[in-house]
């Protein structure tokens, strides 16, 4: 049964907080040539040095004397990589840090049809093809089961940003209600009245994801038969209660993990978008442009103003970019010659993002921890029983 809670936002940092800045970790993943591209005789213009984290991109229209473009990243994955390797090396450390009380964000970016949803979701029921989200579910509850000295409360929400409107994918009438972004000194940025489910197992988390996916906006374009027409954010909030070593009091930490599948950047001339598809593409590109402007402003250091308010997407990712969050960006790209311009744009975008500095800290003893309310209620009931129910 669904319970509604306000999304957990900014928390009070404890004495153990990490105050040192760390850069956004940027991963680049290149999919293989598709069967359609192979049939058309398309050439691969991407070379990847997995050991050095280097990508070489050749311009198919360049003269013989023009050198290829070279980029370096934290990690790169080519068309032979395995889903589990991507998760273990890039996502699992952030998932586990959320169990310790840090905020984390993992988001996939790239041109439409480059494998963002495959990276984030994959095939949930196939162990070898599971993406980051279902592998995250497994890791959270496996780690909780191994922990004997702490209590956990896990809850999940799922929203999409469609045509710049925020829709609650877990609400029964999600298409009719548009939610508002609010900001509070205690909570930070949050979505008012967003439905949240308390979940106690992997199966329950998978069910929440499945319910939301049925309500997600997708549509066919020439680039992708099931193109995501919205940005989606699946949020898992993990409250953890542990006993203090010195005072014997219970301390609560709250980590929030955002799993973000961005709609693909696209060109109308390639996707053949018209009517509603064209309107959607325009809104998608505007919000991705706003995200690019935020990244540029954070990196150049010249402007004191960061334009987070230019789109709903950048408002909701405000803490993930330059704030109290550990962030991984997975930039997805295609290898074919006819996508040179889009691939170059993706690599430049990712190259800027790796210079963003965040300041993650443990969120300790927040005022709105739900676990605290549960513990207080249990203590009150025990006191009543001990006092004869008075």
Protein backbone atom coordinates (compact mmCIF):
# COMPACT_ATOMS: atom_id res chain seq x y z
CA UNK A 1 0.00 0.00 0.00
CA UNK A 2 1.37 3.37 -0.98
CA UNK A 3 2.16 5.94 1.66
CA UNK A 4 2.89 9.51 0.79
CA UNK A 5 5.92 11.20 2.21
CA UNK A 6 7.71 14.32 1.19
CA UNK A 7 10.96 13.61 -0.56
CA UNK A 8 14.03 13.81 1.61
CA UNK A 9 16.21 16.73 0.60
CA UNK A 10 19.10 18.49 2.19
CA UNK A 11 20.20 17.07 5.55
CA UNK A 12 22.30 18.33 8.43
CA UNK A 13 25.88 17.19 8.14
CA UNK A 14 27.34 15.35 11.14
CA UNK A 15 30.80 15.66 12.58
CA UNK A 16 31.99 12.78 10.37
CA UNK A 17 31.02 14.66 7.22
CA UNK A 18 33.38 14.59 4.29
CA UNK A 19 34.30 18.16 3.44
CA UNK A 20 36.75 17.57 0.61
CA UNK A 21 35.55 18.10 -2.93
CA UNK A 22 35.49 15.28 -5.46
CA UNK A 23 34.91 15.48 -9.20
CA UNK A 24 31.95 13.99 -11.02
CA UNK A 25 33.06 10.61 -12.34
CA UNK A 26 32.49 10.34 -16.09
CA UNK A 27 32.19 7.02 -17.91
CA UNK A 28 31.81 6.69 -21.69
CA UNK A 29 30.19 3.62 -23.20
CA UNK A 30 30.01 2.92 -26.94
CA UNK A 31 27.45 0.48 -28.30
CA UNK A 32 28.18 -1.85 -31.26
CA UNK A 33 27.10 -1.08 -34.81
CA UNK A 34 23.44 -2.01 -35.17
CA UNK A 35 22.20 -4.54 -37.73
CA UNK A 36 20.66 -1.63 -39.68
CA UNK A 37 23.99 0.22 -39.73
CA UNK A 38 25.81 -2.92 -40.84
CA UNK A 39 23.28 -3.48 -43.65
CA UNK A 40 23.84 0.11 -44.79
CA UNK A 41 27.61 -0.39 -44.84
CA UNK A 42 28.30 2.16 -42.11
CA UNK A 43 31.88 2.46 -40.86
CA UNK A 44 33.00 2.55 -37.23
CA UNK A 45 34.83 5.81 -36.51
CA UNK A 46 35.52 5.20 -32.81
CA UNK A 47 38.60 3.59 -31.28
CA UNK A 48 38.76 2.96 -27.53
CA UNK A 49 41.83 2.35 -25.35
CA UNK A 50 40.21 0.65 -22.36
CA UNK A 51 43.38 0.56 -20.28
CA UNK A 52 44.16 4.27 -20.64
CA UNK A 53 40.53 5.48 -20.70
CA UNK A 54 41.09 7.13 -24.06
CA UNK A 55 38.68 7.58 -26.99
CA UNK A 56 39.72 8.48 -30.52
CA UNK A 57 37.03 9.83 -32.85
CA UNK A 58 37.74 10.12 -36.58
CA UNK A 59 35.87 12.62 -38.73
CA UNK A 60 34.75 10.73 -41.86
CA UNK A 61 34.68 13.97 -43.85
CA UNK A 62 38.11 15.20 -42.77
CA UNK A 63 41.08 15.39 -45.09
CA UNK A 64 43.99 13.00 -44.76
CA UNK A 65 46.05 15.57 -42.87
CA UNK A 66 43.48 16.26 -40.14
CA UNK A 67 44.21 14.36 -36.92
CA UNK A 68 41.38 12.54 -35.09
CA UNK A 69 39.88 13.96 -31.89
CA UNK A 70 41.14 12.37 -28.68
CA UNK A 71 39.39 12.44 -25.27
CA UNK A 72 40.31 10.93 -21.89
CA UNK A 73 37.88 9.84 -19.17
CA UNK A 74 37.82 7.97 -15.86
CA UNK A 75 36.72 4.77 -17.60
CA UNK A 76 35.63 3.83 -21.11
CA UNK A 77 33.72 0.76 -22.28
CA UNK A 78 33.53 -0.52 -25.81
CA UNK A 79 30.96 -2.66 -27.62
CA UNK A 80 32.27 -5.85 -25.97
CA UNK A 81 31.70 -4.77 -22.37
CA UNK A 82 29.44 -6.63 -19.96
CA UNK A 83 26.55 -5.09 -18.06
CA UNK A 84 27.79 -6.39 -14.71
CA UNK A 85 31.28 -4.92 -15.25
CA UNK A 86 29.79 -1.48 -15.82
CA UNK A 87 27.76 -1.78 -12.63
CA UNK A 88 30.50 -3.21 -10.39
CA UNK A 89 33.20 -0.78 -11.45
CA UNK A 90 31.17 2.41 -11.80
CA UNK A 91 27.86 2.23 -9.97
CA UNK A 92 28.23 -0.15 -7.02
CA UNK A 93 30.61 2.10 -5.03
CA UNK A 94 28.01 4.90 -5.09
CA UNK A 95 25.18 2.51 -4.17
CA UNK A 96 27.14 1.32 -1.15
CA UNK A 97 28.01 4.86 -0.11
CA UNK A 98 24.26 5.61 0.00
CA UNK A 99 23.88 2.81 2.55
CA UNK A 100 26.37 4.77 4.66
CA UNK A 101 24.38 8.00 4.45
CA UNK A 102 25.72 9.78 1.37
CA UNK A 103 23.63 11.05 -1.53
CA UNK A 104 24.37 9.55 -4.94
CA UNK A 105 23.31 10.12 -8.53
CA UNK A 106 23.93 7.92 -11.54
CA UNK A 107 22.70 9.27 -14.86
CA UNK A 108 22.91 8.22 -18.47
CA UNK A 109 23.32 10.82 -21.20
CA UNK A 110 23.62 10.62 -24.99
CA UNK A 111 22.02 10.82 -28.40
CA UNK A 112 18.78 8.91 -28.87
CA UNK A 113 19.36 5.25 -29.72
CA UNK A 114 22.79 4.93 -28.08
CA UNK A 115 21.78 2.57 -25.27
CA UNK A 116 20.99 4.76 -22.27
CA UNK A 117 17.97 2.74 -21.17
CA UNK A 118 19.91 -0.47 -21.86
CA UNK A 119 22.66 0.81 -19.55
CA UNK A 120 20.24 1.87 -16.81
CA UNK A 121 17.70 -0.98 -17.02
CA UNK A 122 18.80 -3.69 -19.47
CA UNK A 123 16.83 -6.94 -19.13
CA UNK A 124 15.98 -7.13 -15.40
CA UNK A 125 15.28 -10.88 -15.36
CA UNK A 126 18.50 -11.88 -17.15
CA UNK A 127 21.49 -11.85 -14.72
CA UNK A 128 23.96 -11.15 -17.54
CA UNK A 129 21.87 -8.41 -19.14
CA UNK A 130 20.65 -6.57 -16.06
CA UNK A 131 21.36 -2.85 -16.11
CA UNK A 132 22.41 -0.51 -13.32
CA UNK A 133 18.94 -0.15 -11.76
CA UNK A 134 18.11 -3.86 -11.20
CA UNK A 135 21.69 -4.56 -10.09
CA UNK A 136 21.32 -1.71 -7.61
CA UNK A 137 18.21 -3.37 -6.17
CA UNK A 138 20.15 -6.61 -5.63
CA UNK A 139 23.11 -4.87 -4.00
CA UNK A 140 21.02 -2.81 -1.56
CA UNK A 141 19.15 -5.74 -0.08
CA UNK A 142 22.10 -8.15 -0.19
CA UNK A 143 24.14 -5.66 1.83
CA UNK A 144 21.27 -5.01 4.24
CA UNK A 145 20.87 -8.74 4.86
CA UNK A 146 24.57 -9.01 5.77
CA UNK A 147 24.33 -6.16 8.29
CA UNK A 148 23.41 -7.16 11.85
CA UNK A 149 24.10 -4.04 13.91
CA UNK A 150 21.87 -1.55 12.06
CA UNK A 151 18.22 -1.11 11.13
CA UNK A 152 17.20 0.07 7.66
CA UNK A 153 14.13 1.64 6.11
CA UNK A 154 14.05 1.78 2.29
CA UNK A 155 11.55 3.67 0.18
CA UNK A 156 11.24 4.45 -3.51
CA UNK A 157 9.68 7.03 -5.82
CA UNK A 158 9.56 7.33 -9.60
CA UNK A 159 8.90 10.45 -11.66
CA UNK A 160 9.30 11.67 -15.21
CA UNK A 161 9.76 15.11 -16.70
CA UNK A 162 7.61 15.15 -19.84
CA UNK A 163 7.30 18.36 -21.86
CA UNK A 164 8.65 20.21 -18.79
CA UNK A 165 5.86 18.84 -16.58
CA UNK A 166 6.67 16.59 -13.61
CA UNK A 167 4.53 13.46 -13.49
CA UNK A 168 4.33 10.96 -10.65
CA UNK A 169 4.74 7.59 -12.35
CA UNK A 170 3.44 5.75 -9.28
CA UNK A 171 0.16 7.67 -9.01
CA UNK A 172 -3.03 6.11 -10.40
CA UNK A 173 -3.84 9.20 -12.44
CA UNK A 174 -0.27 10.21 -13.24
CA UNK A 175 -1.13 11.76 -16.59
CA UNK A 176 -3.65 14.18 -15.08
CA UNK A 177 -1.66 15.69 -12.22
CA UNK A 178 1.37 17.93 -12.65
CA UNK A 179 3.58 18.19 -9.59
CA UNK A 180 5.51 21.23 -8.39
CA UNK A 181 9.16 21.61 -7.48
CA UNK A 182 9.61 23.24 -4.08
CA UNK A 183 12.61 24.40 -2.12
CA UNK A 184 12.94 24.41 1.63
CA UNK A 185 15.88 25.45 3.89
CA UNK A 186 15.73 22.05 5.63
CA UNK A 187 14.82 19.72 2.74
CA UNK A 188 16.45 21.52 -0.15
CA UNK A 189 14.81 20.94 -3.56
CA UNK A 190 11.97 18.40 -3.56
CA UNK A 191 8.81 17.47 -5.45
CA UNK A 192 5.64 18.19 -3.49
CA UNK A 193 3.16 15.31 -3.03
CA UNK A 194 5.34 12.72 -4.78
CA UNK A 195 4.16 9.17 -4.00
CA UNK A 196 6.67 7.06 -2.11
CA UNK A 197 6.52 3.32 -1.40
CA UNK A 198 8.22 1.69 1.57
CA UNK A 199 9.91 -1.43 0.17
CA UNK A 200 11.24 -4.46 2.04
CA UNK A 201 12.72 -6.62 -0.73
CA UNK A 202 14.15 -6.72 -4.25
CA UNK A 203 10.81 -8.02 -5.51
CA UNK A 204 8.96 -5.00 -4.09
CA UNK A 205 11.46 -2.59 -5.66
CA UNK A 206 11.12 -4.36 -9.02
CA UNK A 207 7.35 -4.05 -8.74
CA UNK A 208 7.59 -0.30 -8.11
CA UNK A 209 9.82 0.05 -11.19
CA UNK A 210 7.44 -2.03 -13.32
CA UNK A 211 4.41 0.05 -12.28
CA UNK A 212 6.23 3.27 -13.16
CA UNK A 213 7.53 1.99 -16.49
CA UNK A 214 3.99 1.26 -17.65
CA UNK A 215 3.20 4.94 -17.21
CA UNK A 216 6.39 6.26 -18.82
CA UNK A 217 6.18 8.23 -22.08
CA UNK A 218 7.81 6.46 -25.01
CA UNK A 219 7.31 6.78 -28.77
CA UNK A 220 8.78 5.62 -32.05
CA UNK A 221 11.22 7.70 -34.10
CA UNK A 222 13.41 6.80 -37.05
CA UNK A 223 16.35 6.51 -34.65
CA UNK A 224 14.67 4.31 -32.03
CA UNK A 225 11.44 2.30 -32.05
CA UNK A 226 10.96 2.76 -28.29
CA UNK A 227 12.53 6.15 -27.74
CA UNK A 228 12.16 7.63 -24.25
CA UNK A 229 10.22 10.86 -24.64
CA UNK A 230 10.87 12.01 -21.09
CA UNK A 231 13.59 12.17 -18.46
CA UNK A 232 12.95 9.71 -15.63
CA UNK A 233 14.30 9.75 -12.08
CA UNK A 234 13.95 6.64 -9.89
CA UNK A 235 14.87 7.61 -6.32
CA UNK A 236 15.72 5.21 -3.50
CA UNK A 237 15.94 6.71 -0.02
CA UNK A 238 17.76 4.61 2.59
CA UNK A 239 17.47 5.43 6.28
CA UNK A 240 19.90 3.65 8.59
CA UNK A 241 19.87 3.58 12.38
CA UNK A 242 22.98 2.56 14.32
CA UNK A 243 23.97 2.65 17.99
CA UNK A 244 26.46 5.35 19.01
CA UNK A 245 29.68 4.00 20.51
CA UNK A 246 29.88 6.63 23.23
CA UNK A 247 26.42 7.80 24.21
CA UNK A 248 24.40 4.68 23.44
CA UNK A 249 21.88 6.78 21.53
CA UNK A 250 20.58 5.72 18.14
CA UNK A 251 21.94 7.78 15.26
CA UNK A 252 20.18 7.96 11.90
CA UNK A 253 21.80 8.50 8.54
CA UNK A 254 19.86 9.05 5.33
CA UNK A 255 21.23 8.41 1.85
CA UNK A 256 19.32 9.27 -1.30
CA UNK A 257 20.15 7.57 -4.61
CA UNK A 258 18.89 9.08 -7.88
CA UNK A 259 18.93 6.76 -10.91
CA UNK A 260 18.38 9.00 -13.92
CA UNK A 261 17.57 7.97 -17.50
CA UNK A 262 17.72 11.10 -19.63
CA UNK A 263 15.78 11.32 -22.88
CA UNK A 264 18.11 11.35 -25.87
CA UNK A 265 19.34 14.47 -27.57
CA UNK A 266 18.21 14.35 -31.19
CA UNK A 267 18.02 16.13 -34.53
CA UNK A 268 14.65 16.37 -36.23
CA UNK A 269 16.22 15.69 -39.62
CA UNK A 270 17.40 12.27 -38.40
CA UNK A 271 14.51 11.21 -36.19
CA UNK A 272 11.78 12.30 -38.60
CA UNK A 273 9.89 13.78 -35.66
CA UNK A 274 6.63 15.56 -36.45
CA UNK A 275 3.59 16.66 -34.43
CA UNK A 276 3.76 15.46 -30.81
CA UNK A 277 7.15 13.81 -31.37
CA UNK A 278 8.57 17.14 -32.60
CA UNK A 279 7.11 19.02 -29.62
CA UNK A 280 8.61 16.43 -27.27
CA UNK A 281 11.99 16.67 -28.99
CA UNK A 282 11.99 20.45 -28.66
CA UNK A 283 11.36 20.26 -24.91
CA UNK A 284 13.93 17.47 -24.50
CA UNK A 285 16.62 19.45 -26.31
CA UNK A 286 15.82 22.62 -24.34
CA UNK A 287 16.21 20.85 -21.00
CA UNK A 288 19.43 19.13 -22.13
CA UNK A 289 20.71 22.52 -23.28
CA UNK A 290 19.90 23.91 -19.81
CA UNK A 291 21.83 20.99 -18.29
CA UNK A 292 24.78 21.82 -20.55
CA UNK A 293 24.65 25.47 -19.45
CA UNK A 294 24.71 24.44 -15.79
CA UNK A 295 27.70 22.19 -16.41
CA UNK A 296 29.53 24.97 -18.28
CA UNK A 297 28.80 27.52 -15.53
CA UNK A 298 30.07 25.16 -12.84
CA UNK A 299 33.26 24.42 -14.74
CA UNK A 300 34.30 27.86 -16.02
CA UNK A 301 34.20 29.38 -12.52
CA UNK A 302 33.61 32.87 -13.93
CA UNK A 303 29.94 33.19 -13.02
CA UNK A 304 28.60 33.34 -9.49
CA UNK A 305 25.17 32.44 -10.85
CA UNK A 306 24.46 28.83 -11.80
CA UNK A 307 21.26 28.63 -13.92
CA UNK A 308 19.67 25.66 -12.09
CA UNK A 309 16.20 27.25 -12.42
CA UNK A 310 16.23 27.22 -16.23
CA UNK A 311 14.57 23.77 -16.34
CA UNK A 312 12.84 21.24 -14.09
CA UNK A 313 15.64 18.77 -14.82
CA UNK A 314 18.42 21.04 -13.58
CA UNK A 315 16.39 22.02 -10.49
CA UNK A 316 16.01 18.37 -9.51
CA UNK A 317 19.68 17.60 -10.27
CA UNK A 318 20.91 20.70 -8.43
CA UNK A 319 22.54 18.77 -5.58
CA UNK A 320 23.96 16.21 -8.03
CA UNK A 321 25.91 18.88 -9.92
CA UNK A 322 28.12 20.91 -7.62
CA UNK A 323 26.37 19.93 -4.39
CA UNK A 324 26.13 17.31 -1.66
CA UNK A 325 26.19 14.20 -3.86
CA UNK A 326 28.53 11.56 -5.28
CA UNK A 327 27.78 11.57 -9.01
CA UNK A 328 28.55 9.27 -11.94
CA UNK A 329 27.66 10.25 -15.50
CA UNK A 330 27.51 7.48 -18.09
CA UNK A 331 27.79 9.06 -21.54
CA UNK A 332 26.47 6.71 -24.22
CA UNK A 333 27.53 7.06 -27.83
CA UNK A 334 27.19 5.29 -31.17
CA UNK A 335 30.16 4.21 -33.33
CA UNK A 336 28.84 4.91 -36.85
CA UNK A 337 30.26 7.46 -39.28
CA UNK A 338 26.94 9.23 -39.89
CA UNK A 339 26.71 10.12 -36.20
CA UNK A 340 30.04 11.94 -36.01
CA UNK A 341 28.52 15.31 -35.04
CA UNK A 342 26.35 13.79 -32.30
CA UNK A 343 29.21 11.68 -30.95
CA UNK A 344 31.49 14.71 -30.86
CA UNK A 345 28.83 16.68 -28.99
CA UNK A 346 28.40 13.88 -26.43
CA UNK A 347 32.15 13.61 -25.83
CA UNK A 348 32.53 17.38 -25.40
CA UNK A 349 29.58 17.43 -23.00
CA UNK A 350 31.10 14.59 -20.96
CA UNK A 351 34.54 16.17 -21.07
CA UNK A 352 33.17 19.31 -19.39
CA UNK A 353 31.21 17.35 -16.80
CA UNK A 354 34.28 15.56 -15.45
CA UNK A 355 35.56 18.90 -14.12
CA UNK A 356 32.52 19.54 -11.89
CA UNK A 357 33.42 19.36 -8.20
CA UNK A 358 30.87 18.10 -5.67
CA UNK A 359 31.12 18.14 -1.87
CA UNK A 360 29.42 14.96 -0.64
CA UNK A 361 28.87 14.50 3.08
CA UNK A 362 27.10 12.04 5.34
CA UNK A 363 23.52 13.10 6.07
CA UNK A 364 23.27 12.51 9.79
CA UNK A 365 20.26 12.83 12.13
CA UNK A 366 17.91 14.71 9.77
CA UNK A 367 14.78 16.14 11.35
CA UNK A 368 12.41 14.36 8.96
CA UNK A 369 13.85 10.84 9.23
CA UNK A 370 10.93 8.44 9.07
CA UNK A 371 12.84 5.75 10.93
CA UNK A 372 13.08 8.07 13.93
CA UNK A 373 9.29 8.43 13.95
CA UNK A 374 8.88 4.64 13.88
CA UNK A 375 11.35 4.17 16.73
CA UNK A 376 9.64 6.84 18.84
CA UNK A 377 6.26 5.20 18.24
CA UNK A 378 7.61 1.77 19.28
CA UNK A 379 9.11 3.27 22.44
CA UNK A 380 5.82 4.97 23.27
CA UNK A 381 3.86 1.74 22.82
CA UNK A 382 6.35 -0.17 24.99
CA UNK A 383 5.99 2.47 27.69
CA UNK A 384 2.21 2.12 27.55
CA UNK A 385 2.45 -1.65 27.88
CA UNK A 386 4.85 -1.30 30.79
CA UNK A 387 2.52 1.15 32.51
CA UNK A 388 -0.56 -0.98 32.13
CA UNK A 389 -1.75 0.84 29.00
CA UNK A 390 -2.30 4.18 30.74
